[in-house]
Amino acid sequence: MNNGANNGDTGSTARTWVFYTLMSLAGVVVILALLAIGVAVTLPQDYSFARSVVISRPPGVVWGVVRDIAAERGWRQNLHSVERLPDRNGHETWRLRDSEGQTVVMEVVESVPPRRLAFEYEGRPGIGVITWVIEIRSVANDSQVTLLQRSSFYPRTYRFLARFVYGTSFADDFLKSLAQKFGDPPVVQ
């Protein structure tokens, strides 16, 4: 005969199970956060990588597109606007706004037609500096476009994000968009 005593026990058992499950999940989140902080503390301030794509056009043609910063909005997928700013240190300076509204100021620090173009990106003050060096070299009748990114982030959080969250995604997006501009497969290596 069931006098209802078990009904309370069942509800209590379910609540206990839910409580311990939520506490276990919270513990896992705390452990992962501490692990991420531990990794971020050990990361060096400087970080760099190189990515490449092959474009089926000669370097001069590719250079014309890469060097025309004002026209990038027409072919870069995640770029919302491009605005020319006054020169800084005798260099062209531009403000780029992405599709999410984030802005960055870009200074052209080197321009060697038709093979090398370098930019320094400046985000929020105190975060760090990102440099992109784009090199274009002839490979048979094509061009190999290599983008070298050098980053220097002061806050450890940004060091972690740059390596493990964003990785090479911004450089890859640029190179994929460039390849698609020329009708080439967006295969980034």
C-alpha atoms as a PDB file:
ATOM      1  CA  MET A   1       0.000   0.000   0.000  1.00  0.00           C
ATOM      2  CA  ASN A   2       1.324   3.405  -0.982  1.00  0.00           C
ATOM      3  CA  ASN A   3       0.687   6.086   1.611  1.00  0.00           C
ATOM      4  CA  GLY A   4       2.316   8.898  -0.414  1.00  0.00           C
ATOM      5  CA  ALA A   5       5.597   8.865   1.450  1.00  0.00           C
ATOM      6  CA  ASN A   6       7.500   7.793  -1.638  1.00  0.00           C
ATOM      7  CA  ASN A   7       6.105  10.702  -3.688  1.00  0.00           C
ATOM      8  CA  GLY A   8       7.995  13.160  -1.512  1.00  0.00           C
ATOM      9  CA  ASP A   9      11.105  11.020  -1.713  1.00  0.00           C
ATOM     10  CA  THR A  10      10.901  10.928  -5.526  1.00  0.00           C
ATOM     11  CA  GLY A  11      10.638  14.729  -5.740  1.00  0.00           C
ATOM     12  CA  SER A  12      13.450  15.127  -3.254  1.00  0.00           C
ATOM     13  CA  THR A  13      15.615  12.656  -5.193  1.00  0.00           C
ATOM     14  CA  ALA A  14      14.951  14.518  -8.448  1.00  0.00           C
ATOM     15  CA  ARG A  15      15.809  17.856  -6.854  1.00  0.00           C
ATOM     16  CA  THR A  16      18.980  16.379  -5.385  1.00  0.00           C
ATOM     17  CA  TRP A  17      19.955  14.945  -8.769  1.00  0.00           C
ATOM     18  CA  VAL A  18      19.352  18.319 -10.466  1.00  0.00           C
ATOM     19  CA  PHE A  19      21.320  20.122  -7.743  1.00  0.00           C
ATOM     20  CA  TYR A  20      24.336  17.808  -8.054  1.00  0.00           C
ATOM     21  CA  THR A  21      24.202  17.942 -11.850  1.00  0.00           C
ATOM     22  CA  LEU A  22      24.191  21.757 -11.846  1.00  0.00           C
ATOM     23  CA  MET A  23      26.979  21.868  -9.264  1.00  0.00           C
ATOM     24  CA  SER A  24      29.050  19.433 -11.338  1.00  0.00           C
ATOM     25  CA  LEU A  25      28.556  21.558 -14.453  1.00  0.00           C
ATOM     26  CA  ALA A  26      29.507  24.689 -12.515  1.00  0.00           C
ATOM     27  CA  GLY A  27      32.624  22.892 -11.289  1.00  0.00           C
ATOM     28  CA  VAL A  28      33.587  21.944 -14.847  1.00  0.00           C
ATOM     29  CA  VAL A  29      33.107  25.565 -15.984  1.00  0.00           C
ATOM     30  CA  VAL A  30      35.282  26.829 -13.107  1.00  0.00           C
ATOM     31  CA  ILE A  31      38.003  24.272 -13.903  1.00  0.00           C
ATOM     32  CA  LEU A  32      37.962  25.215 -17.608  1.00  0.00           C
ATOM     33  CA  ALA A  33      38.133  28.927 -16.739  1.00  0.00           C
ATOM     34  CA  LEU A  34      41.081  28.338 -14.402  1.00  0.00           C
ATOM     35  CA  LEU A  35      42.799  26.255 -17.071  1.00  0.00           C
ATOM     36  CA  ALA A  36      42.290  29.043 -19.654  1.00  0.00           C
ATOM     37  CA  ILE A  37      43.696  31.618 -17.212  1.00  0.00           C
ATOM     38  CA  GLY A  38      46.652  29.340 -16.495  1.00  0.00           C
ATOM     39  CA  VAL A  39      47.386  28.968 -20.200  1.00  0.00           C
ATOM     40  CA  ALA A  40      46.946  32.711 -20.850  1.00  0.00           C
ATOM     41  CA  VAL A  41      49.445  33.583 -18.123  1.00  0.00           C
ATOM     42  CA  THR A  42      52.135  31.510 -19.831  1.00  0.00           C
ATOM     43  CA  LEU A  43      51.569  32.819 -23.375  1.00  0.00           C
ATOM     44  CA  PRO A  44      54.195  35.197 -24.775  1.00  0.00           C
ATOM     45  CA  GLN A  45      53.158  38.716 -25.743  1.00  0.00           C
ATOM     46  CA  ASP A  46      54.152  38.221 -29.397  1.00  0.00           C
ATOM     47  CA  TYR A  47      52.437  35.839 -31.798  1.00  0.00           C
ATOM     48  CA  SER A  48      52.804  35.350 -35.544  1.00  0.00           C
ATOM     49  CA  PHE A  49      51.679  33.072 -38.372  1.00  0.00           C
ATOM     50  CA  ALA A  50      51.617  32.997 -42.166  1.00  0.00           C
ATOM     51  CA  ARG A  51      48.791  31.900 -44.483  1.00  0.00           C
ATOM     52  CA  SER A  52      48.778  31.693 -48.301  1.00  0.00           C
ATOM     53  CA  VAL A  53      46.464  31.398 -51.280  1.00  0.00           C
ATOM     54  CA  VAL A  54      47.137  30.976 -54.994  1.00  0.00           C
ATOM     55  CA  ILE A  55      45.436  33.408 -57.385  1.00  0.00           C
ATOM     56  CA  SER A  56      45.229  32.665 -61.118  1.00  0.00           C
ATOM     57  CA  ARG A  57      46.428  36.133 -62.142  1.00  0.00           C
ATOM     58  CA  PRO A  58      49.872  37.727 -62.468  1.00  0.00           C
ATOM     59  CA  PRO A  59      51.257  39.681 -59.467  1.00  0.00           C
ATOM     60  CA  GLY A  60      50.574  43.093 -61.042  1.00  0.00           C
ATOM     61  CA  VAL A  61      46.847  42.370 -61.341  1.00  0.00           C
ATOM     62  CA  VAL A  62      46.629  40.993 -57.791  1.00  0.00           C
ATOM     63  CA  TRP A  63      48.615  44.003 -56.531  1.00  0.00           C
ATOM     64  CA  GLY A  64      46.118  46.380 -58.128  1.00  0.00           C
ATOM     65  CA  VAL A  65      43.281  44.852 -56.115  1.00  0.00           C
ATOM     66  CA  VAL A  66      45.161  44.472 -52.821  1.00  0.00           C
ATOM     67  CA  ARG A  67      46.565  48.016 -52.999  1.00  0.00           C
ATOM     68  CA  ASP A  68      43.189  49.657 -53.732  1.00  0.00           C
ATOM     69  CA  ILE A  69      42.100  49.885 -50.110  1.00  0.00           C
ATOM     70  CA  ALA A  70      39.149  52.166 -50.883  1.00  0.00           C
ATOM     71  CA  ALA A  71      37.626  49.414 -53.062  1.00  0.00           C
ATOM     72  CA  GLU A  72      38.044  46.574 -50.533  1.00  0.00           C
ATOM     73  CA  ARG A  73      34.443  46.893 -49.382  1.00  0.00           C
ATOM     74  CA  GLY A  74      33.424  45.584 -52.799  1.00  0.00           C
ATOM     75  CA  TRP A  75      35.175  42.240 -52.368  1.00  0.00           C
ATOM     76  CA  ARG A  76      35.912  41.639 -48.675  1.00  0.00           C
ATOM     77  CA  GLN A  77      33.013  39.670 -47.238  1.00  0.00           C
ATOM     78  CA  ASN A  78      33.050  40.965 -43.655  1.00  0.00           C
ATOM     79  CA  LEU A  79      33.952  44.587 -44.400  1.00  0.00           C
ATOM     80  CA  HIS A  80      31.132  47.097 -43.974  1.00  0.00           C
ATOM     81  CA  SER A  81      32.919  50.401 -44.645  1.00  0.00           C
ATOM     82  CA  VAL A  82      36.300  51.940 -45.473  1.00  0.00           C
ATOM     83  CA  GLU A  83      37.116  55.557 -44.638  1.00  0.00           C
ATOM     84  CA  ARG A  84      40.287  57.463 -45.584  1.00  0.00           C
ATOM     85  CA  LEU A  85      41.778  59.340 -42.635  1.00  0.00           C
ATOM     86  CA  PRO A  86      44.519  61.988 -42.582  1.00  0.00           C
ATOM     87  CA  ASP A  87      48.024  60.613 -43.045  1.00  0.00           C
ATOM     88  CA  ARG A  88      49.887  59.531 -39.934  1.00  0.00           C
ATOM     89  CA  ASN A  89      53.679  59.702 -39.877  1.00  0.00           C
ATOM     90  CA  GLY A  90      53.554  60.330 -43.630  1.00  0.00           C
ATOM     91  CA  HIS A  91      51.609  57.081 -44.214  1.00  0.00           C
ATOM     92  CA  GLU A  92      48.124  56.489 -45.595  1.00  0.00           C
ATOM     93  CA  THR A  93      45.673  55.784 -42.799  1.00  0.00           C
ATOM     94  CA  TRP A  94      42.240  54.162 -43.053  1.00  0.00           C
ATOM     95  CA  ARG A  95      39.373  53.296 -40.725  1.00  0.00           C
ATOM     96  CA  LEU A  96      37.792  49.914 -41.409  1.00  0.00           C
ATOM     97  CA  ARG A  97      34.435  48.866 -39.956  1.00  0.00           C
ATOM     98  CA  ASP A  98      33.410  45.226 -40.078  1.00  0.00           C
ATOM     99  CA  SER A  99      29.912  43.828 -40.479  1.00  0.00           C
ATOM    100  CA  GLU A 100      29.538  43.671 -36.668  1.00  0.00           C
ATOM    101  CA  GLY A 101      30.349  47.367 -36.220  1.00  0.00           C
ATOM    102  CA  GLN A 102      33.870  46.876 -34.853  1.00  0.00           C
ATOM    103  CA  THR A 103      36.346  49.487 -36.108  1.00  0.00           C
ATOM    104  CA  VAL A 104      40.078  49.404 -36.534  1.00  0.00           C
ATOM    105  CA  VAL A 105      42.532  52.010 -37.792  1.00  0.00           C
ATOM    106  CA  MET A 106      44.969  50.736 -40.406  1.00  0.00           C
ATOM    107  CA  GLU A 107      48.195  52.490 -41.376  1.00  0.00           C
ATOM    108  CA  VAL A 108      50.038  51.544 -44.575  1.00  0.00           C
ATOM    109  CA  VAL A 109      53.648  51.277 -43.364  1.00  0.00           C
ATOM    110  CA  GLU A 110      55.242  49.758 -46.478  1.00  0.00           C
ATOM    111  CA  SER A 111      54.288  49.601 -50.147  1.00  0.00           C
ATOM    112  CA  VAL A 112      56.629  47.967 -52.686  1.00  0.00           C
ATOM    113  CA  PRO A 113      54.729  47.378 -55.948  1.00  0.00           C
ATOM    114  CA  PRO A 114      53.841  44.742 -57.007  1.00  0.00           C
ATOM    115  CA  ARG A 115      55.157  42.460 -54.324  1.00  0.00           C
ATOM    116  CA  ARG A 116      54.925  43.706 -50.729  1.00  0.00           C
ATOM    117  CA  LEU A 117      52.374  45.673 -48.718  1.00  0.00           C
ATOM    118  CA  ALA A 118      52.428  46.105 -44.940  1.00  0.00           C
ATOM    119  CA  PHE A 119      49.771  47.486 -42.586  1.00  0.00           C
ATOM    120  CA  GLU A 120      49.689  48.182 -38.876  1.00  0.00           C
ATOM    121  CA  TYR A 121      46.274  47.767 -37.287  1.00  0.00           C
ATOM    122  CA  GLU A 122      45.434  49.678 -34.169  1.00  0.00           C
ATOM    123  CA  GLY A 123      42.439  48.695 -32.112  1.00  0.00           C
ATOM    124  CA  ARG A 124      41.524  49.975 -28.700  1.00  0.00           C
ATOM    125  CA  PRO A 125      44.343  51.714 -26.789  1.00  0.00           C
ATOM    126  CA  GLY A 126      46.348  49.462 -24.491  1.00  0.00           C
ATOM    127  CA  ILE A 127      45.410  46.229 -26.259  1.00  0.00           C
ATOM    128  CA  GLY A 128      48.274  45.829 -28.690  1.00  0.00           C
ATOM    129  CA  VAL A 129      49.286  46.063 -32.327  1.00  0.00           C
ATOM    130  CA  ILE A 130      48.698  43.746 -35.282  1.00  0.00           C
ATOM    131  CA  THR A 131      50.884  43.950 -38.384  1.00  0.00           C
ATOM    132  CA  TRP A 132      49.935  42.353 -41.689  1.00  0.00           C
ATOM    133  CA  VAL A 133      52.592  41.886 -44.354  1.00  0.00           C
ATOM    134  CA  ILE A 134      51.197  40.786 -47.703  1.00  0.00           C
ATOM    135  CA  GLU A 135      53.726  39.339 -50.114  1.00  0.00           C
ATOM    136  CA  ILE A 136      52.866  38.503 -53.720  1.00  0.00           C
ATOM    137  CA  ARG A 137      55.182  36.294 -55.730  1.00  0.00           C
ATOM    138  CA  SER A 138      54.925  34.811 -59.175  1.00  0.00           C
ATOM    139  CA  VAL A 139      54.388  31.055 -59.368  1.00  0.00           C
ATOM    140  CA  ALA A 140      54.238  29.918 -63.021  1.00  0.00           C
ATOM    141  CA  ASN A 141      51.388  32.042 -64.464  1.00  0.00           C
ATOM    142  CA  ASP A 142      49.768  32.539 -61.057  1.00  0.00           C
ATOM    143  CA  SER A 143      50.462  34.536 -57.910  1.00  0.00           C
ATOM    144  CA  GLN A 144      51.028  33.175 -54.456  1.00  0.00           C
ATOM    145  CA  VAL A 145      49.728  35.661 -51.901  1.00  0.00           C
ATOM    146  CA  THR A 146      51.151  35.156 -48.424  1.00  0.00           C
ATOM    147  CA  LEU A 147      49.834  37.056 -45.444  1.00  0.00           C
ATOM    148  CA  LEU A 148      52.137  37.186 -42.426  1.00  0.00           C
ATOM    149  CA  GLN A 149      50.468  38.395 -39.255  1.00  0.00           C
ATOM    150  CA  ARG A 150      52.552  39.573 -36.329  1.00  0.00           C
ATOM    151  CA  SER A 151      50.668  40.425 -33.163  1.00  0.00           C
ATOM    152  CA  SER A 152      51.717  41.889 -29.868  1.00  0.00           C
ATOM    153  CA  PHE A 153      49.011  41.839 -27.190  1.00  0.00           C
ATOM    154  CA  TYR A 154      49.502  43.307 -23.738  1.00  0.00           C
ATOM    155  CA  PRO A 155      46.507  41.872 -21.834  1.00  0.00           C
ATOM    156  CA  ARG A 156      46.834  38.128 -21.340  1.00  0.00           C
ATOM    157  CA  THR A 157      43.155  37.650 -22.193  1.00  0.00           C
ATOM    158  CA  TYR A 158      43.773  38.916 -25.722  1.00  0.00           C
ATOM    159  CA  ARG A 159      46.780  36.629 -26.073  1.00  0.00           C
ATOM    160  CA  PHE A 160      44.535  33.673 -25.300  1.00  0.00           C
ATOM    161  CA  LEU A 161      41.766  34.855 -27.641  1.00  0.00           C
ATOM    162  CA  ALA A 162      44.213  35.497 -30.492  1.00  0.00           C
ATOM    163  CA  ARG A 163      45.591  31.979 -30.353  1.00  0.00           C
ATOM    164  CA  PHE A 164      42.663  29.810 -29.353  1.00  0.00           C
ATOM    165  CA  VAL A 165      39.480  31.644 -30.351  1.00  0.00           C
ATOM    166  CA  TYR A 166      40.240  33.817 -33.389  1.00  0.00           C
ATOM    167  CA  GLY A 167      43.378  32.029 -34.577  1.00  0.00           C
ATOM    168  CA  THR A 168      43.941  32.703 -38.263  1.00  0.00           C
ATOM    169  CA  SER A 169      40.291  33.501 -39.056  1.00  0.00           C
ATOM    170  CA  PHE A 170      40.729  37.192 -40.002  1.00  0.00           C
ATOM    171  CA  ALA A 171      43.686  36.473 -42.283  1.00  0.00           C
ATOM    172  CA  ASP A 172      41.874  33.474 -43.777  1.00  0.00           C
ATOM    173  CA  ASP A 173      38.761  35.597 -44.442  1.00  0.00           C
ATOM    174  CA  PHE A 174      40.878  38.210 -46.241  1.00  0.00           C
ATOM    175  CA  LEU A 175      42.627  35.619 -48.426  1.00  0.00           C
ATOM    176  CA  LYS A 176      39.418  33.686 -49.181  1.00  0.00           C
ATOM    177  CA  SER A 177      37.669  36.908 -50.193  1.00  0.00           C
ATOM    178  CA  LEU A 178      40.632  37.806 -52.418  1.00  0.00           C
ATOM    179  CA  ALA A 179      40.544  34.417 -54.139  1.00  0.00           C
ATOM    180  CA  GLN A 180      36.788  34.672 -54.671  1.00  0.00           C
ATOM    181  CA  LYS A 181      37.220  38.175 -56.119  1.00  0.00           C
ATOM    182  CA  PHE A 182      39.213  36.538 -58.933  1.00  0.00           C
ATOM    183  CA  GLY A 183      36.899  33.530 -59.213  1.00  0.00           C
ATOM    184  CA  ASP A 184      39.498  31.184 -57.712  1.00  0.00           C
ATOM    185  CA  PRO A 185      38.836  28.489 -55.113  1.00  0.00           C
ATOM    186  CA  PRO A 186      39.236  29.949 -51.614  1.00  0.00           C
ATOM    187  CA  VAL A 187      41.788  27.355 -50.481  1.00  0.00           C
ATOM    188  CA  VAL A 188      43.998  28.865 -47.800  1.00  0.00           C
ATOM    189  CA  GLN A 189      47.112  27.047 -46.647  1.00  0.00           C
END
